Amino acid sequence: MKFKDEQYYNDAVKASADQPYYRAMITFGVRWADLMEPKIEAGAKLEDIAQETSREADTEGITGNMYNGGVLLLVKSWVYGEDLRKWHNKDSGAPEATGTVNSAILTVG
């Protein structure tokens, strides 16, 4: 995984050292980035591979909140994080959002 902010990643790893739930978010995020990165570097567009590779990266059966934690980790620390943020927000129904959408929040009408 290529970093744009390795310190953010290192801080997240350190903070989750004794918290398996949060560590699973990091493990998922890194696994996902490791699946996407070579494909992107070979010419694939992130938006064409993100969903499929996220399912492939989920080997533990993560929750929606864990997924969002993995997304946020990558948005903040991964070299392709901004592309992921844009794809994720669009996929979550909020393409105009400037932050990272939490897709695990339910809206009841």
C-alpha atoms as a PDB file:
ATOM      1  CA  MET A   1       0.000   0.000   0.000  1.00  0.00           C
ATOM      2  CA  LYS A   2       1.418   3.324  -1.070  1.00  0.00           C
ATOM      3  CA  PHE A   3       0.900   6.128   1.404  1.00  0.00           C
ATOM      4  CA  LYS A   4       0.052   9.776   1.051  1.00  0.00           C
ATOM      5  CA  ASP A   5       0.073  10.081   4.873  1.00  0.00           C
ATOM      6  CA  GLU A   6       1.966   7.245   6.510  1.00  0.00           C
ATOM      7  CA  GLN A   7       1.839   8.956   9.907  1.00  0.00           C
ATOM      8  CA  TYR A   8      -1.982   8.841   9.889  1.00  0.00           C
ATOM      9  CA  TYR A   9      -1.801   5.125   9.116  1.00  0.00           C
ATOM     10  CA  ASN A  10       0.803   4.460  11.809  1.00  0.00           C
ATOM     11  CA  ASP A  11      -1.238   6.376  14.375  1.00  0.00           C
ATOM     12  CA  ALA A  12      -4.340   4.343  13.484  1.00  0.00           C
ATOM     13  CA  VAL A  13      -2.422   1.071  13.807  1.00  0.00           C
ATOM     14  CA  LYS A  14      -1.002   2.130  17.166  1.00  0.00           C
ATOM     15  CA  ALA A  15      -4.397   3.255  18.486  1.00  0.00           C
ATOM     16  CA  SER A  16      -6.019  -0.041  17.492  1.00  0.00           C
ATOM     17  CA  ALA A  17      -3.298  -2.360  18.807  1.00  0.00           C
ATOM     18  CA  ASP A  18      -5.423  -3.763  21.635  1.00  0.00           C
ATOM     19  CA  GLN A  19      -8.846  -3.276  20.008  1.00  0.00           C
ATOM     20  CA  PRO A  20      -9.723  -6.137  17.635  1.00  0.00           C
ATOM     21  CA  TYR A  21     -12.804  -4.373  16.214  1.00  0.00           C
ATOM     22  CA  TYR A  22     -10.786  -1.359  15.069  1.00  0.00           C
ATOM     23  CA  ARG A  23      -7.874  -3.524  13.982  1.00  0.00           C
ATOM     24  CA  ALA A  24     -10.285  -5.375  11.652  1.00  0.00           C
ATOM     25  CA  MET A  25     -11.091  -2.036   9.967  1.00  0.00           C
ATOM     26  CA  ILE A  26      -7.400  -1.471   9.305  1.00  0.00           C
ATOM     27  CA  THR A  27      -6.819  -5.031   8.114  1.00  0.00           C
ATOM     28  CA  PHE A  28      -9.750  -4.749   5.715  1.00  0.00           C
ATOM     29  CA  GLY A  29      -8.613  -1.355   4.431  1.00  0.00           C
ATOM     30  CA  VAL A  30      -5.049  -2.474   3.773  1.00  0.00           C
ATOM     31  CA  ARG A  31      -6.185  -5.696   2.115  1.00  0.00           C
ATOM     32  CA  TRP A  32      -8.569  -3.699  -0.079  1.00  0.00           C
ATOM     33  CA  ALA A  33      -5.881  -1.191  -1.086  1.00  0.00           C
ATOM     34  CA  ASP A  34      -3.481  -4.046  -1.824  1.00  0.00           C
ATOM     35  CA  LEU A  35      -6.072  -5.571  -4.178  1.00  0.00           C
ATOM     36  CA  MET A  36      -6.883  -2.311  -5.962  1.00  0.00           C
ATOM     37  CA  GLU A  37      -3.449  -0.716  -6.239  1.00  0.00           C
ATOM     38  CA  PRO A  38      -1.873  -3.078  -8.810  1.00  0.00           C
ATOM     39  CA  LYS A  39      -5.013  -2.952 -10.934  1.00  0.00           C
ATOM     40  CA  ILE A  40      -5.053   0.858 -10.858  1.00  0.00           C
ATOM     41  CA  GLU A  41      -1.372   0.958 -11.752  1.00  0.00           C
ATOM     42  CA  ALA A  42      -2.092  -1.389 -14.666  1.00  0.00           C
ATOM     43  CA  GLY A  43      -4.664   1.084 -15.983  1.00  0.00           C
ATOM     44  CA  ALA A  44      -7.953   0.134 -14.316  1.00  0.00           C
ATOM     45  CA  LYS A  45     -10.221   2.870 -13.009  1.00  0.00           C
ATOM     46  CA  LEU A  46     -10.892   2.723  -9.286  1.00  0.00           C
ATOM     47  CA  GLU A  47     -14.637   3.093  -9.825  1.00  0.00           C
ATOM     48  CA  ASP A  48     -14.595  -0.030 -12.006  1.00  0.00           C
ATOM     49  CA  ILE A  49     -12.859  -2.257  -9.455  1.00  0.00           C
ATOM     50  CA  ALA A  50     -13.719  -0.850  -6.019  1.00  0.00           C
ATOM     51  CA  GLN A  51     -16.912  -2.760  -5.322  1.00  0.00           C
ATOM     52  CA  GLU A  52     -15.650  -6.146  -6.491  1.00  0.00           C
ATOM     53  CA  THR A  53     -12.350  -5.812  -4.638  1.00  0.00           C
ATOM     54  CA  SER A  54     -14.080  -4.640  -1.448  1.00  0.00           C
ATOM     55  CA  ARG A  55     -16.027  -7.891  -1.397  1.00  0.00           C
ATOM     56  CA  GLU A  56     -12.846  -9.844  -2.066  1.00  0.00           C
ATOM     57  CA  ALA A  57     -11.052  -7.995   0.746  1.00  0.00           C
ATOM     58  CA  ASP A  58     -13.808  -8.781   3.242  1.00  0.00           C
ATOM     59  CA  THR A  59     -12.618 -12.161   4.460  1.00  0.00           C
ATOM     60  CA  GLU A  60     -13.897 -11.745   8.031  1.00  0.00           C
ATOM     61  CA  GLY A  61     -17.484 -10.635   7.419  1.00  0.00           C
ATOM     62  CA  ILE A  62     -17.050  -7.005   8.444  1.00  0.00           C
ATOM     63  CA  THR A  63     -19.905  -4.755   9.532  1.00  0.00           C
ATOM     64  CA  GLY A  64     -21.028  -1.613   7.729  1.00  0.00           C
ATOM     65  CA  ASN A  65     -19.230   0.456  10.334  1.00  0.00           C
ATOM     66  CA  MET A  66     -16.018  -1.513   9.806  1.00  0.00           C
ATOM     67  CA  TYR A  67     -16.341  -0.938   6.062  1.00  0.00           C
ATOM     68  CA  ASN A  68     -16.663   2.802   6.641  1.00  0.00           C
ATOM     69  CA  GLY A  69     -13.670   2.737   8.973  1.00  0.00           C
ATOM     70  CA  GLY A  70     -11.630   1.029   6.265  1.00  0.00           C
ATOM     71  CA  VAL A  71     -12.763   3.616   3.727  1.00  0.00           C
ATOM     72  CA  LEU A  72     -11.819   6.481   6.041  1.00  0.00           C
ATOM     73  CA  LEU A  73      -8.400   4.961   6.727  1.00  0.00           C
ATOM     74  CA  LEU A  74      -7.716   4.757   3.003  1.00  0.00           C
ATOM     75  CA  VAL A  75      -9.119   8.215   2.263  1.00  0.00           C
ATOM     76  CA  LYS A  76      -6.759   9.719   4.836  1.00  0.00           C
ATOM     77  CA  SER A  77      -3.629   7.636   4.273  1.00  0.00           C
ATOM     78  CA  TRP A  78      -3.625   5.973   0.833  1.00  0.00           C
ATOM     79  CA  VAL A  79      -2.195   7.562  -2.298  1.00  0.00           C
ATOM     80  CA  TYR A  80      -5.502   6.884  -4.141  1.00  0.00           C
ATOM     81  CA  GLY A  81      -7.625   7.917  -1.163  1.00  0.00           C
ATOM     82  CA  GLU A  82      -9.249  10.927  -2.795  1.00  0.00           C
ATOM     83  CA  ASP A  83     -10.403   8.814  -5.749  1.00  0.00           C
ATOM     84  CA  LEU A  84     -11.814   6.291  -3.285  1.00  0.00           C
ATOM     85  CA  ARG A  85     -13.613   9.046  -1.349  1.00  0.00           C
ATOM     86  CA  LYS A  86     -15.290  10.309  -4.527  1.00  0.00           C
ATOM     87  CA  TRP A  87     -16.326   6.796  -5.570  1.00  0.00           C
ATOM     88  CA  HIS A  88     -17.566   5.933  -2.076  1.00  0.00           C
ATOM     89  CA  ASN A  89     -19.615   9.115  -1.755  1.00  0.00           C
ATOM     90  CA  LYS A  90     -21.170   8.596  -5.183  1.00  0.00           C
ATOM     91  CA  ASP A  91     -21.874   4.939  -4.380  1.00  0.00           C
ATOM     92  CA  SER A  92     -23.468   6.055  -1.092  1.00  0.00           C
ATOM     93  CA  GLY A  93     -25.792   8.477  -2.896  1.00  0.00           C
ATOM     94  CA  ALA A  94     -24.006  11.708  -1.963  1.00  0.00           C
ATOM     95  CA  PRO A  95     -21.602  12.527  -4.808  1.00  0.00           C
ATOM     96  CA  GLU A  96     -21.537  16.207  -3.861  1.00  0.00           C
ATOM     97  CA  ALA A  97     -20.338  15.567  -0.286  1.00  0.00           C
ATOM     98  CA  THR A  98     -16.983  17.136   0.491  1.00  0.00           C
ATOM     99  CA  GLY A  99     -16.124  14.818   3.378  1.00  0.00           C
ATOM    100  CA  THR A 100     -16.376  11.043   3.569  1.00  0.00           C
ATOM    101  CA  VAL A 101     -19.972   9.831   3.798  1.00  0.00           C
ATOM    102  CA  ASN A 102     -20.815   7.298   6.495  1.00  0.00           C
ATOM    103  CA  SER A 103     -22.868   4.806   4.505  1.00  0.00           C
ATOM    104  CA  ALA A 104     -23.791   2.848   7.648  1.00  0.00           C
ATOM    105  CA  ILE A 105     -26.171   5.578   8.844  1.00  0.00           C
ATOM    106  CA  LEU A 106     -29.813   4.853   8.177  1.00  0.00           C
ATOM    107  CA  THR A 107     -32.307   7.552   7.294  1.00  0.00           C
ATOM    108  CA  VAL A 108     -35.904   6.772   8.174  1.00  0.00           C
ATOM    109  CA  GLY A 109     -38.614   8.817   6.510  1.00  0.00           C
END
